[in-house]
């Protein structure tokens, strides 16, 4: 079981990445509101939407509710100083990380 850190710029972005041998397009947006935060959407390599609007939270596999899509692993967010702290706009990609754990 291999673990990979998803490279993040710390700004809203869209990029292609290979996870468990399959290419996906990940889009990260930030909703600046009381209940907002970082949001992840996943598309296939042809940019056909697969899952939209996944809140990037800590303490849970972000892909678990979508097991039927067989992403080939799990996705976890974690912050350096406090593993339970939700990623903020300023620390996402620096002290707050996103990890893919291959099944």
Protein backbone atom coordinates (compact mmCIF):
# COMPACT_ATOMS: atom_id res chain seq x y z
CA UNK A 1 0.00 0.00 0.00
CA UNK A 2 1.69 3.19 -1.22
CA UNK A 3 0.95 6.73 -0.04
CA UNK A 4 1.40 9.76 -2.32
CA UNK A 5 1.09 13.44 -1.50
CA UNK A 6 -1.06 15.34 -3.99
CA UNK A 7 0.97 18.40 -5.08
CA UNK A 8 -0.97 21.57 -4.25
CA UNK A 9 -0.11 25.17 -5.10
CA UNK A 10 -2.12 26.72 -2.26
CA UNK A 11 -4.43 28.51 -4.69
CA UNK A 12 -7.58 27.43 -6.52
CA UNK A 13 -6.40 25.22 -9.37
CA UNK A 14 -7.15 22.44 -11.85
CA UNK A 15 -4.64 19.80 -12.90
CA UNK A 16 -4.31 16.24 -14.18
CA UNK A 17 -2.84 13.53 -11.98
CA UNK A 18 -2.45 9.79 -12.17
CA UNK A 19 -3.84 7.88 -9.17
CA UNK A 20 -3.72 4.09 -9.01
CA UNK A 21 -2.77 4.02 -12.71
CA UNK A 22 -5.70 6.15 -13.91
CA UNK A 23 -5.55 9.80 -14.98
CA UNK A 24 -7.99 12.17 -13.30
CA UNK A 25 -8.53 15.93 -13.44
CA UNK A 26 -8.73 17.48 -9.96
CA UNK A 27 -10.23 20.91 -9.40
CA UNK A 28 -9.80 22.72 -6.09
CA UNK A 29 -11.89 25.77 -5.31
CA UNK A 30 -12.26 27.79 -2.13
CA UNK A 31 -15.58 29.01 -0.77
CA UNK A 32 -15.03 31.98 1.49
CA UNK A 33 -18.02 31.77 3.82
CA UNK A 34 -18.88 30.70 7.37
CA UNK A 35 -19.40 27.07 6.35
CA UNK A 36 -17.05 27.25 3.37
CA UNK A 37 -13.56 25.93 2.80
CA UNK A 38 -11.71 23.96 0.16
CA UNK A 39 -13.84 21.96 -2.26
CA UNK A 40 -12.65 19.16 -4.56
CA UNK A 41 -14.21 18.06 -7.84
CA UNK A 42 -12.95 15.05 -9.80
CA UNK A 43 -13.30 14.40 -13.53
CA UNK A 44 -11.98 11.70 -15.81
CA UNK A 45 -9.08 12.43 -18.18
CA UNK A 46 -11.54 13.75 -20.80
CA UNK A 47 -12.86 16.20 -18.17
CA UNK A 48 -16.21 14.42 -17.79
CA UNK A 49 -17.38 15.13 -14.21
CA UNK A 50 -17.32 12.16 -11.85
CA UNK A 51 -17.80 13.79 -8.42
CA UNK A 52 -18.37 17.48 -7.68
CA UNK A 53 -18.28 19.42 -4.42
CA UNK A 54 -16.36 17.20 -1.99
CA UNK A 55 -15.53 19.27 1.12
CA UNK A 56 -11.83 18.86 1.99
CA UNK A 57 -12.04 17.93 5.68
CA UNK A 58 -9.78 16.01 8.01
CA UNK A 59 -10.44 12.74 9.83
CA UNK A 60 -12.19 10.91 7.00
CA UNK A 61 -11.55 9.30 3.64
CA UNK A 62 -12.85 11.88 1.18
CA UNK A 63 -13.50 9.17 -1.42
CA UNK A 64 -15.32 6.68 0.83
CA UNK A 65 -18.85 7.77 -0.18
CA UNK A 66 -17.86 7.18 -3.82
CA UNK A 67 -16.50 3.62 -3.50
CA UNK A 68 -18.67 2.54 -6.43
CA UNK A 69 -16.44 4.68 -8.69
CA UNK A 70 -13.42 2.54 -7.74
CA UNK A 71 -10.76 5.25 -7.45
CA UNK A 72 -8.30 2.57 -6.32
CA UNK A 73 -7.54 4.13 -2.95
CA UNK A 74 -8.38 6.65 -0.28
CA UNK A 75 -7.87 10.41 -0.01
CA UNK A 76 -7.04 12.12 3.29
CA UNK A 77 -6.35 15.73 4.33
CA UNK A 78 -4.01 16.40 7.24
CA UNK A 79 -2.51 19.53 8.79
CA UNK A 80 1.00 19.44 10.28
CA UNK A 81 0.43 21.16 13.65
CA UNK A 82 -2.99 19.62 14.32
CA UNK A 83 -4.06 16.57 12.31
CA UNK A 84 -7.71 17.44 12.95
CA UNK A 85 -7.47 21.09 11.81
CA UNK A 86 -9.38 21.74 8.59
CA UNK A 87 -7.21 23.19 5.78
CA UNK A 88 -7.44 26.96 5.50
CA UNK A 89 -7.02 29.18 2.47
CA UNK A 90 -3.53 30.17 3.61
CA UNK A 91 -2.12 26.76 4.63
CA UNK A 92 -3.51 24.43 1.93
CA UNK A 93 -0.50 23.01 0.13
CA UNK A 94 2.07 24.20 2.67
CA UNK A 95 1.32 22.96 6.20
CA UNK A 96 -1.94 21.29 5.19
CA UNK A 97 -1.59 18.31 2.86
CA UNK A 98 -3.66 15.91 0.80
CA UNK A 99 -2.61 12.26 0.60
CA UNK A 100 -3.73 9.45 -1.70
CA UNK A 101 -3.36 5.97 -0.18
CA UNK A 102 -3.41 3.31 -2.87
CA UNK A 103 -5.56 0.26 -2.05
